[in-house]
Amino acid sequence: MRKKEYYFLLVCLVLFILCLPMLAQAQGPKKEFIVAQFTFEPGQELKDLTGNFPDLTLVGATVEKGN
């Protein structure tokens, strides 16, 4: 009787592992989010346009011609 229980649990575990990718897809695609956006355009060189981070502070460097 114990051998049957072992095989039953083993089959359940294998089925669970095989179904994991389907469960992940059922939740829908993962959305990609922009964490930060620095365009280095004149007047906005050091600003994060997403608002997630404070403005950059350059130490010993400058932004010239957007580079």
N, C-alpha and C. Protein backbone atom coordinates (compact mmCIF):
# COMPACT_ATOMS: atom_id res chain seq x y z
N MET A 1 0.83 -1.20 0.00
CA MET A 1 0.00 0.00 0.00
C MET A 1 0.86 1.25 0.00
N ARG A 2 1.95 1.19 0.69
CA ARG A 2 2.82 2.36 0.77
C ARG A 2 3.45 2.68 -0.57
N LYS A 3 3.72 1.67 -1.37
CA LYS A 3 4.32 1.87 -2.68
C LYS A 3 3.36 2.63 -3.59
N LYS A 4 2.06 2.34 -3.50
CA LYS A 4 1.07 3.04 -4.31
C LYS A 4 1.01 4.51 -3.92
N GLU A 5 1.07 4.80 -2.65
CA GLU A 5 1.05 6.19 -2.20
C GLU A 5 2.27 6.95 -2.71
N TYR A 6 3.40 6.30 -2.70
CA TYR A 6 4.64 6.92 -3.19
C TYR A 6 4.50 7.26 -4.66
N TYR A 7 4.00 6.31 -5.46
CA TYR A 7 3.85 6.55 -6.89
C TYR A 7 2.81 7.64 -7.16
N PHE A 8 1.74 7.66 -6.39
CA PHE A 8 0.71 8.69 -6.54
C PHE A 8 1.30 10.08 -6.28
N LEU A 9 2.05 10.22 -5.21
CA LEU A 9 2.68 11.51 -4.91
C LEU A 9 3.69 11.90 -5.97
N LEU A 10 4.43 10.94 -6.47
CA LEU A 10 5.41 11.21 -7.51
C LEU A 10 4.73 11.69 -8.79
N VAL A 11 3.63 11.04 -9.17
CA VAL A 11 2.89 11.45 -10.37
C VAL A 11 2.31 12.85 -10.17
N CYS A 12 1.78 13.13 -8.99
CA CYS A 12 1.24 14.47 -8.72
C CYS A 12 2.32 15.53 -8.81
N LEU A 13 3.48 15.24 -8.29
CA LEU A 13 4.60 16.19 -8.34
C LEU A 13 5.03 16.45 -9.77
N VAL A 14 5.14 15.41 -10.56
CA VAL A 14 5.55 15.55 -11.97
C VAL A 14 4.50 16.37 -12.73
N LEU A 15 3.23 16.08 -12.52
CA LEU A 15 2.18 16.85 -13.19
C LEU A 15 2.21 18.31 -12.78
N PHE A 16 2.44 18.57 -11.51
CA PHE A 16 2.53 19.95 -11.04
C PHE A 16 3.68 20.69 -11.72
N ILE A 17 4.83 20.04 -11.79
CA ILE A 17 5.99 20.66 -12.42
C ILE A 17 5.73 20.91 -13.90
N LEU A 18 5.06 19.98 -14.56
CA LEU A 18 4.77 20.16 -15.99
C LEU A 18 3.74 21.27 -16.23
N CYS A 19 2.89 21.51 -15.26
CA CYS A 19 1.84 22.53 -15.43
C CYS A 19 2.30 23.94 -15.04
N LEU A 20 3.45 24.07 -14.40
CA LEU A 20 3.92 25.39 -13.96
C LEU A 20 4.01 26.41 -15.09
N PRO A 21 4.57 26.06 -16.26
CA PRO A 21 4.62 27.06 -17.34
C PRO A 21 3.23 27.53 -17.78
N MET A 22 2.27 26.63 -17.79
CA MET A 22 0.91 27.02 -18.17
C MET A 22 0.29 27.95 -17.14
N LEU A 23 0.58 27.71 -15.87
CA LEU A 23 0.06 28.58 -14.83
C LEU A 23 0.66 29.98 -14.93
N ALA A 24 1.93 30.05 -15.28
CA ALA A 24 2.59 31.35 -15.42
C ALA A 24 2.00 32.12 -16.60
N GLN A 25 1.68 31.43 -17.69
CA GLN A 25 1.10 32.10 -18.85
C GLN A 25 -0.32 32.55 -18.58
N ALA A 26 -1.04 31.84 -17.71
CA ALA A 26 -2.42 32.20 -17.41
C ALA A 26 -2.51 33.54 -16.71
N GLN A 27 -1.42 33.97 -16.08
CA GLN A 27 -1.41 35.27 -15.41
C GLN A 27 -1.26 36.41 -16.38
N GLY A 28 -0.95 36.13 -17.63
CA GLY A 28 -0.78 37.16 -18.64
C GLY A 28 0.68 37.56 -18.77
N PRO A 29 0.98 38.28 -19.83
CA PRO A 29 2.38 38.69 -20.05
C PRO A 29 2.84 39.68 -18.99
N LYS A 30 4.11 39.64 -18.70
CA LYS A 30 4.67 40.60 -17.75
C LYS A 30 4.79 41.95 -18.44
N LYS A 31 4.40 42.98 -17.71
CA LYS A 31 4.49 44.32 -18.26
C LYS A 31 5.88 44.87 -18.00
N GLU A 32 6.41 45.52 -19.01
CA GLU A 32 7.71 46.16 -18.86
C GLU A 32 7.49 47.61 -18.45
N PHE A 33 8.26 48.05 -17.51
CA PHE A 33 8.15 49.41 -17.02
C PHE A 33 9.46 50.13 -17.24
N ILE A 34 9.35 51.41 -17.60
CA ILE A 34 10.55 52.24 -17.69
C ILE A 34 10.88 52.69 -16.28
N VAL A 35 12.09 52.38 -15.85
CA VAL A 35 12.51 52.73 -14.50
C VAL A 35 12.98 54.17 -14.45
N ALA A 36 13.76 54.57 -15.45
CA ALA A 36 14.27 55.94 -15.51
C ALA A 36 14.48 56.31 -16.97
N GLN A 37 14.32 57.59 -17.27
CA GLN A 37 14.54 58.06 -18.63
C GLN A 37 15.26 59.40 -18.59
N PHE A 38 16.49 59.37 -19.03
CA PHE A 38 17.31 60.58 -19.14
C PHE A 38 17.56 60.81 -20.63
N THR A 39 17.03 61.88 -21.21
CA THR A 39 17.18 62.12 -22.65
C THR A 39 18.40 62.97 -22.98
N PHE A 40 18.92 63.69 -22.01
CA PHE A 40 20.07 64.58 -22.20
C PHE A 40 19.78 65.65 -23.24
N GLU A 41 18.52 66.03 -23.36
CA GLU A 41 18.14 67.13 -24.24
C GLU A 41 18.47 68.45 -23.55
N PRO A 42 18.74 69.50 -24.31
CA PRO A 42 19.05 70.79 -23.70
C PRO A 42 17.96 71.24 -22.74
N GLY A 43 18.37 71.60 -21.53
CA GLY A 43 17.45 72.03 -20.49
C GLY A 43 16.92 70.89 -19.62
N GLN A 44 17.07 69.65 -20.08
CA GLN A 44 16.59 68.50 -19.30
C GLN A 44 17.68 67.43 -19.18
N GLU A 45 18.93 67.83 -19.30
CA GLU A 45 20.03 66.87 -19.32
C GLU A 45 20.08 65.97 -18.10
N LEU A 46 19.80 66.53 -16.95
CA LEU A 46 19.99 65.80 -15.70
C LEU A 46 18.68 65.44 -15.02
N LYS A 47 17.57 65.45 -15.76
CA LYS A 47 16.26 65.17 -15.18
C LYS A 47 15.77 63.78 -15.58
N ASP A 48 15.24 63.05 -14.61
CA ASP A 48 14.60 61.76 -14.89
C ASP A 48 13.16 62.07 -15.28
N LEU A 49 12.79 61.80 -16.52
CA LEU A 49 11.46 62.15 -17.02
C LEU A 49 10.36 61.27 -16.44
N THR A 50 10.70 60.13 -15.85
CA THR A 50 9.68 59.27 -15.24
C THR A 50 9.31 59.75 -13.84
N GLY A 51 10.20 60.52 -13.21
CA GLY A 51 9.94 61.00 -11.86
C GLY A 51 10.31 60.01 -10.77
N ASN A 52 10.96 58.90 -11.14
CA ASN A 52 11.33 57.90 -10.14
C ASN A 52 12.60 58.25 -9.38
N PHE A 53 13.45 59.08 -9.96
CA PHE A 53 14.72 59.42 -9.34
C PHE A 53 14.88 60.93 -9.28
N PRO A 54 15.65 61.42 -8.32
CA PRO A 54 15.92 62.86 -8.29
C PRO A 54 16.84 63.25 -9.45
N ASP A 55 16.94 64.54 -9.69
CA ASP A 55 17.83 65.01 -10.75
C ASP A 55 19.25 64.55 -10.48
N LEU A 56 19.99 64.28 -11.56
CA LEU A 56 21.39 63.86 -11.43
C LEU A 56 22.25 65.01 -10.96
N THR A 57 23.29 64.67 -10.27
CA THR A 57 24.29 65.63 -9.88
C THR A 57 25.62 65.14 -10.43
N LEU A 58 26.20 65.93 -11.33
CA LEU A 58 27.48 65.54 -11.91
C LEU A 58 28.62 66.08 -11.05
N VAL A 59 29.58 65.23 -10.78
CA VAL A 59 30.75 65.63 -9.99
C VAL A 59 31.98 65.45 -10.89
N GLY A 60 32.55 66.55 -11.31
CA GLY A 60 33.73 66.49 -12.16
C GLY A 60 33.42 66.14 -13.61
N ALA A 61 32.19 66.33 -14.06
CA ALA A 61 31.81 66.03 -15.45
C ALA A 61 30.82 67.08 -15.94
N THR A 62 30.68 67.20 -17.25
CA THR A 62 29.71 68.11 -17.84
C THR A 62 29.02 67.41 -19.00
N VAL A 63 27.85 67.88 -19.35
CA VAL A 63 27.12 67.38 -20.51
C VAL A 63 27.30 68.39 -21.63
N GLU A 64 27.83 67.94 -22.76
CA GLU A 64 28.07 68.82 -23.91
C GLU A 64 27.40 68.23 -25.13
N LYS A 65 26.57 69.02 -25.79
CA LYS A 65 25.89 68.61 -27.03
C LYS A 65 25.10 67.31 -26.84
N GLY A 66 24.49 67.13 -25.71
CA GLY A 66 23.65 65.97 -25.47
C GLY A 66 24.40 64.67 -25.25
N ASN A 67 25.69 64.73 -25.07
CA ASN A 67 26.49 63.50 -24.86
C ASN A 67 27.11 63.48 -23.48
